[in-house]
Amino acid sequence: MRISLLIAPLLLTACSYLPSIPHLSPYKMDIRQGNYVSPEMREKIKIGMTRQQIRYVLGTPLLNDPFHQNRWDYVYRLIQEEKLVEQHRLTLIFEGDSLAKIEEDNPATK
């Protein structure tokens, strides 16, 4: 009984060495956050469209600032293996109910 009590901690400490072995490393899943706006969806957006038309094409915006209700932000990020791989940002600015301006960051691929 005493021998098994001494061997158990040694075996458990040996398991802490496993993450350094490449084929036994833990799985890190891809993390996709935000609204993905495809090039086809982006081409459908035109100046003068209403909020309802844009919501139909792109969906509800990720960021809807209560202090700037004339601005919608569509943000998308892809993280793979704890590294930022892709990031897109599309900002739509309205005057009244119609789209007045489109601001777009180029896709940053690292």
N, C-alpha and C. Protein backbone atom coordinates (compact mmCIF):
# COMPACT_ATOMS: atom_id res chain seq x y z
N MET A 1 0.82 -1.20 0.00
CA MET A 1 0.00 0.00 0.00
C MET A 1 0.87 1.26 0.00
N ARG A 2 1.91 1.26 0.82
CA ARG A 2 2.80 2.41 0.89
C ARG A 2 3.56 2.62 -0.41
N ILE A 3 3.90 1.53 -1.06
CA ILE A 3 4.63 1.64 -2.31
C ILE A 3 3.75 2.30 -3.38
N SER A 4 2.48 1.91 -3.44
CA SER A 4 1.58 2.52 -4.43
C SER A 4 1.36 4.01 -4.13
N LEU A 5 1.37 4.41 -2.86
CA LEU A 5 1.25 5.83 -2.51
C LEU A 5 2.49 6.61 -2.93
N LEU A 6 3.63 5.98 -2.96
CA LEU A 6 4.85 6.65 -3.40
C LEU A 6 4.97 6.69 -4.92
N ILE A 7 4.46 5.67 -5.58
CA ILE A 7 4.58 5.60 -7.04
C ILE A 7 3.57 6.52 -7.72
N ALA A 8 2.38 6.68 -7.16
CA ALA A 8 1.33 7.50 -7.79
C ALA A 8 1.79 8.94 -8.05
N PRO A 9 2.39 9.66 -7.09
CA PRO A 9 2.86 11.02 -7.39
C PRO A 9 3.93 11.06 -8.47
N LEU A 10 4.79 10.06 -8.53
CA LEU A 10 5.81 10.02 -9.57
C LEU A 10 5.19 9.86 -10.95
N LEU A 11 4.19 9.02 -11.04
CA LEU A 11 3.51 8.84 -12.33
C LEU A 11 2.77 10.10 -12.75
N LEU A 12 2.17 10.80 -11.80
CA LEU A 12 1.44 12.02 -12.13
C LEU A 12 2.38 13.13 -12.57
N THR A 13 3.55 13.23 -11.97
CA THR A 13 4.50 14.25 -12.41
C THR A 13 5.06 13.92 -13.78
N ALA A 14 5.14 12.66 -14.12
CA ALA A 14 5.61 12.27 -15.45
C ALA A 14 4.62 12.71 -16.52
N CYS A 15 3.34 12.81 -16.20
CA CYS A 15 2.32 13.24 -17.16
C CYS A 15 2.45 14.73 -17.49
N SER A 16 3.06 15.50 -16.62
CA SER A 16 3.20 16.93 -16.89
C SER A 16 4.19 17.20 -18.01
N TYR A 17 4.95 16.23 -18.41
CA TYR A 17 5.93 16.37 -19.48
C TYR A 17 5.30 16.22 -20.87
N LEU A 18 4.07 15.75 -20.96
CA LEU A 18 3.43 15.43 -22.24
C LEU A 18 3.24 16.62 -23.18
N PRO A 19 2.93 17.85 -22.74
CA PRO A 19 2.70 18.93 -23.71
C PRO A 19 3.90 19.24 -24.60
N SER A 20 5.11 18.87 -24.20
CA SER A 20 6.26 19.15 -25.04
C SER A 20 6.38 18.15 -26.19
N ILE A 21 5.64 17.07 -26.14
CA ILE A 21 5.65 16.10 -27.23
C ILE A 21 4.68 16.60 -28.30
N PRO A 22 5.14 16.84 -29.53
CA PRO A 22 4.29 17.49 -30.53
C PRO A 22 3.01 16.76 -30.87
N HIS A 23 3.04 15.46 -31.00
CA HIS A 23 1.85 14.74 -31.42
C HIS A 23 0.86 14.55 -30.27
N LEU A 24 1.22 14.92 -29.06
CA LEU A 24 0.31 14.82 -27.93
C LEU A 24 -0.08 16.18 -27.37
N SER A 25 0.13 17.24 -28.15
CA SER A 25 -0.23 18.57 -27.67
C SER A 25 -1.75 18.74 -27.71
N PRO A 26 -2.29 19.60 -26.86
CA PRO A 26 -3.75 19.78 -26.84
C PRO A 26 -4.26 20.44 -28.12
N TYR A 27 -5.47 20.12 -28.48
CA TYR A 27 -6.10 20.69 -29.67
C TYR A 27 -6.55 22.11 -29.38
N LYS A 28 -6.21 23.02 -30.28
CA LYS A 28 -6.64 24.41 -30.15
C LYS A 28 -7.54 24.71 -31.34
N MET A 29 -8.82 24.89 -31.06
CA MET A 29 -9.77 25.10 -32.14
C MET A 29 -9.71 26.53 -32.68
N ASP A 30 -10.14 26.68 -33.93
CA ASP A 30 -10.20 27.99 -34.55
C ASP A 30 -11.32 28.79 -33.91
N ILE A 31 -11.07 30.06 -33.68
CA ILE A 31 -12.07 30.93 -33.07
C ILE A 31 -12.47 31.98 -34.09
N ARG A 32 -13.72 31.93 -34.50
CA ARG A 32 -14.27 32.91 -35.43
C ARG A 32 -15.22 33.80 -34.65
N GLN A 33 -14.97 35.10 -34.72
CA GLN A 33 -15.81 36.04 -33.98
C GLN A 33 -16.32 37.11 -34.93
N GLY A 34 -17.56 37.48 -34.75
CA GLY A 34 -18.11 38.61 -35.48
C GLY A 34 -18.94 38.23 -36.68
N ASN A 35 -19.12 39.23 -37.55
CA ASN A 35 -19.92 39.09 -38.76
C ASN A 35 -19.00 38.96 -39.96
N TYR A 36 -19.02 37.81 -40.61
CA TYR A 36 -18.22 37.65 -41.82
C TYR A 36 -19.00 38.25 -42.99
N VAL A 37 -18.36 39.18 -43.69
CA VAL A 37 -18.97 39.82 -44.86
C VAL A 37 -18.18 39.36 -46.07
N SER A 38 -18.79 38.52 -46.89
CA SER A 38 -18.12 38.00 -48.09
C SER A 38 -18.05 39.10 -49.15
N PRO A 39 -17.16 38.95 -50.13
CA PRO A 39 -17.10 39.94 -51.22
C PRO A 39 -18.42 40.06 -51.97
N GLU A 40 -19.15 38.94 -52.10
CA GLU A 40 -20.44 38.99 -52.79
C GLU A 40 -21.45 39.83 -52.00
N MET A 41 -21.43 39.67 -50.68
CA MET A 41 -22.33 40.46 -49.83
C MET A 41 -21.95 41.94 -49.90
N ARG A 42 -20.65 42.22 -49.91
CA ARG A 42 -20.17 43.61 -49.93
C ARG A 42 -20.58 44.30 -51.24
N GLU A 43 -20.55 43.57 -52.35
CA GLU A 43 -20.92 44.15 -53.64
C GLU A 43 -22.39 44.56 -53.70
N LYS A 44 -23.23 43.93 -52.89
CA LYS A 44 -24.66 44.25 -52.90
C LYS A 44 -24.98 45.55 -52.17
N ILE A 45 -24.06 46.02 -51.34
CA ILE A 45 -24.30 47.24 -50.56
C ILE A 45 -24.01 48.46 -51.42
N LYS A 46 -24.99 49.36 -51.52
CA LYS A 46 -24.86 50.58 -52.31
C LYS A 46 -25.29 51.78 -51.48
N ILE A 47 -24.69 52.92 -51.77
CA ILE A 47 -25.08 54.17 -51.12
C ILE A 47 -26.55 54.44 -51.42
N GLY A 48 -27.29 54.85 -50.41
CA GLY A 48 -28.71 55.16 -50.57
C GLY A 48 -29.64 54.04 -50.12
N MET A 49 -29.08 52.86 -49.82
CA MET A 49 -29.92 51.76 -49.34
C MET A 49 -30.43 52.07 -47.94
N THR A 50 -31.57 51.50 -47.59
CA THR A 50 -32.13 51.72 -46.26
C THR A 50 -31.52 50.75 -45.25
N ARG A 51 -31.72 51.05 -43.98
CA ARG A 51 -31.22 50.18 -42.92
C ARG A 51 -31.81 48.77 -43.04
N GLN A 52 -33.07 48.70 -43.37
CA GLN A 52 -33.74 47.40 -43.49
C GLN A 52 -33.13 46.57 -44.64
N GLN A 53 -32.82 47.21 -45.76
CA GLN A 53 -32.21 46.51 -46.88
C GLN A 53 -30.82 45.98 -46.52
N ILE A 54 -30.07 46.80 -45.81
CA ILE A 54 -28.72 46.39 -45.43
C ILE A 54 -28.77 45.27 -44.40
N ARG A 55 -29.69 45.36 -43.47
CA ARG A 55 -29.84 44.29 -42.48
C ARG A 55 -30.24 42.98 -43.16
N TYR A 56 -31.01 43.05 -44.22
CA TYR A 56 -31.39 41.86 -44.97
C TYR A 56 -30.18 41.22 -45.64
N VAL A 57 -29.27 42.03 -46.18
CA VAL A 57 -28.10 41.52 -46.90
C VAL A 57 -26.99 41.07 -45.93
N LEU A 58 -26.68 41.88 -44.93
CA LEU A 58 -25.54 41.62 -44.05
C LEU A 58 -25.90 41.04 -42.69
N GLY A 59 -27.14 41.17 -42.29
CA GLY A 59 -27.53 40.73 -40.96
C GLY A 59 -27.37 41.87 -39.96
N THR A 60 -27.63 41.57 -38.71
CA THR A 60 -27.52 42.57 -37.65
C THR A 60 -26.05 42.88 -37.39
N PRO A 61 -25.69 44.16 -37.24
CA PRO A 61 -24.28 44.50 -37.01
C PRO A 61 -23.79 44.00 -35.65
N LEU A 62 -22.52 43.68 -35.60
CA LEU A 62 -21.91 43.21 -34.35
C LEU A 62 -21.88 44.34 -33.33
N LEU A 63 -21.49 45.52 -33.75
CA LEU A 63 -21.42 46.67 -32.84
C LEU A 63 -22.49 47.67 -33.22
N ASN A 64 -23.33 47.99 -32.27
CA ASN A 64 -24.38 48.99 -32.47
C ASN A 64 -24.29 49.96 -31.30
N ASP A 65 -23.57 51.04 -31.50
CA ASP A 65 -23.27 52.01 -30.45
C ASP A 65 -24.50 52.87 -30.16
N PRO A 66 -24.97 52.89 -28.91
CA PRO A 66 -26.14 53.71 -28.59
C PRO A 66 -25.86 55.21 -28.68
N PHE A 67 -24.60 55.61 -28.64
CA PHE A 67 -24.25 57.02 -28.74
C PHE A 67 -24.06 57.48 -30.18
N HIS A 68 -23.89 56.54 -31.09
CA HIS A 68 -23.74 56.84 -32.52
C HIS A 68 -24.69 55.92 -33.29
N GLN A 69 -25.96 56.22 -33.24
CA GLN A 69 -26.94 55.33 -33.86
C GLN A 69 -26.93 55.40 -35.38
N ASN A 70 -26.18 56.35 -35.93
CA ASN A 70 -26.09 56.43 -37.39
C ASN A 70 -24.89 55.63 -37.92
N ARG A 71 -24.26 54.83 -37.06
CA ARG A 71 -23.07 54.08 -37.44
C ARG A 71 -23.25 52.60 -37.10
N TRP A 72 -23.01 51.73 -38.08
CA TRP A 72 -23.03 50.28 -37.86
C TRP A 72 -21.65 49.74 -38.18
N ASP A 73 -21.13 48.86 -37.31
CA ASP A 73 -19.82 48.25 -37.51
C ASP A 73 -19.97 46.74 -37.64
N TYR A 74 -19.43 46.21 -38.71
CA TYR A 74 -19.38 44.78 -38.94
C TYR A 74 -17.91 44.36 -38.82
N VAL A 75 -17.60 43.61 -37.79
CA VAL A 75 -16.22 43.22 -37.49
C VAL A 75 -16.12 41.70 -37.52
N TYR A 76 -15.03 41.20 -38.09
CA TYR A 76 -14.81 39.75 -38.15
C TYR A 76 -13.34 39.47 -37.84
N ARG A 77 -13.11 38.46 -36.99
CA ARG A 77 -11.76 38.04 -36.64
C ARG A 77 -11.67 36.52 -36.68
N LEU A 78 -10.55 36.01 -37.18
CA LEU A 78 -10.29 34.58 -37.18
C LEU A 78 -8.97 34.35 -36.47
N ILE A 79 -9.01 33.54 -35.40
CA ILE A 79 -7.81 33.22 -34.63
C ILE A 79 -7.57 31.72 -34.75
N GLN A 80 -6.38 31.35 -35.22
CA GLN A 80 -5.99 29.96 -35.34
C GLN A 80 -4.71 29.74 -34.54
N GLU A 81 -4.74 28.74 -33.68
CA GLU A 81 -3.60 28.40 -32.84
C GLU A 81 -3.08 29.63 -32.09
N GLU A 82 -4.00 30.37 -31.52
CA GLU A 82 -3.73 31.56 -30.70
C GLU A 82 -3.05 32.69 -31.47
N LYS A 83 -3.19 32.71 -32.82
CA LYS A 83 -2.62 33.77 -33.65
C LYS A 83 -3.73 34.38 -34.50
N LEU A 84 -3.75 35.70 -34.59
CA LEU A 84 -4.71 36.39 -35.43
C LEU A 84 -4.34 36.16 -36.89
N VAL A 85 -5.23 35.50 -37.62
CA VAL A 85 -4.97 35.14 -39.01
C VAL A 85 -5.66 36.12 -39.96
N GLU A 86 -6.87 36.51 -39.61
CA GLU A 86 -7.68 37.33 -40.52
C GLU A 86 -8.51 38.31 -39.71
N GLN A 87 -8.62 39.55 -40.22
CA GLN A 87 -9.45 40.54 -39.55
C GLN A 87 -10.04 41.48 -40.61
N HIS A 88 -11.35 41.68 -40.55
CA HIS A 88 -12.05 42.57 -41.48
C HIS A 88 -12.90 43.54 -40.67
N ARG A 89 -13.05 44.75 -41.19
CA ARG A 89 -13.93 45.72 -40.54
C ARG A 89 -14.65 46.51 -41.63
N LEU A 90 -15.97 46.58 -41.50
CA LEU A 90 -16.81 47.33 -42.43
C LEU A 90 -17.68 48.25 -41.59
N THR A 91 -17.58 49.55 -41.84
CA THR A 91 -18.35 50.54 -41.10
C THR A 91 -19.30 51.23 -42.07
N LEU A 92 -20.57 51.24 -41.69
CA LEU A 92 -21.60 51.90 -42.51
C LEU A 92 -22.13 53.10 -41.73
N ILE A 93 -22.18 54.25 -42.39
CA ILE A 93 -22.66 55.48 -41.76
C ILE A 93 -23.93 55.93 -42.49
N PHE A 94 -24.96 56.18 -41.70
CA PHE A 94 -26.26 56.54 -42.24
C PHE A 94 -26.56 58.02 -42.01
N GLU A 95 -27.37 58.57 -42.88
CA GLU A 95 -28.00 59.88 -42.67
C GLU A 95 -29.49 59.63 -42.74
N GLY A 96 -30.14 59.73 -41.59
CA GLY A 96 -31.55 59.36 -41.51
C GLY A 96 -31.67 57.86 -41.62
N ASP A 97 -32.41 57.39 -42.61
CA ASP A 97 -32.59 55.95 -42.80
C ASP A 97 -31.81 55.40 -43.98
N SER A 98 -31.06 56.27 -44.69
CA SER A 98 -30.36 55.79 -45.88
C SER A 98 -28.84 55.82 -45.66
N LEU A 99 -28.16 54.91 -46.34
CA LEU A 99 -26.71 54.76 -46.23
C LEU A 99 -26.02 55.93 -46.92
N ALA A 100 -25.12 56.60 -46.19
CA ALA A 100 -24.42 57.77 -46.73
C ALA A 100 -22.95 57.49 -47.03
N LYS A 101 -22.31 56.62 -46.24
CA LYS A 101 -20.87 56.42 -46.41
C LYS A 101 -20.50 54.99 -46.01
N ILE A 102 -19.53 54.43 -46.73
CA ILE A 102 -19.01 53.08 -46.44
C ILE A 102 -17.52 53.20 -46.18
N GLU A 103 -17.09 52.76 -45.00
CA GLU A 103 -15.66 52.73 -44.66
C GLU A 103 -15.27 51.27 -44.51
N GLU A 104 -14.17 50.88 -45.16
CA GLU A 104 -13.79 49.47 -45.14
C GLU A 104 -12.29 49.35 -44.97
N ASP A 105 -11.88 48.49 -44.04
CA ASP A 105 -10.46 48.16 -43.89
C ASP A 105 -10.16 47.03 -44.84
N ASN A 106 -9.00 47.07 -45.46
CA ASN A 106 -8.60 45.95 -46.29
C ASN A 106 -8.36 44.74 -45.41
N PRO A 107 -8.71 43.55 -45.89
CA PRO A 107 -8.49 42.35 -45.08
C PRO A 107 -7.01 42.22 -44.71
N ALA A 108 -6.74 42.13 -43.40
CA ALA A 108 -5.37 41.98 -42.92
C ALA A 108 -5.10 40.51 -42.71
N THR A 109 -4.32 39.94 -43.60
CA THR A 109 -3.97 38.53 -43.48
C THR A 109 -2.52 38.46 -43.04
N LYS A 110 -2.31 37.77 -41.94
CA LYS A 110 -0.94 37.68 -41.40
C LYS A 110 -0.42 36.29 -41.58
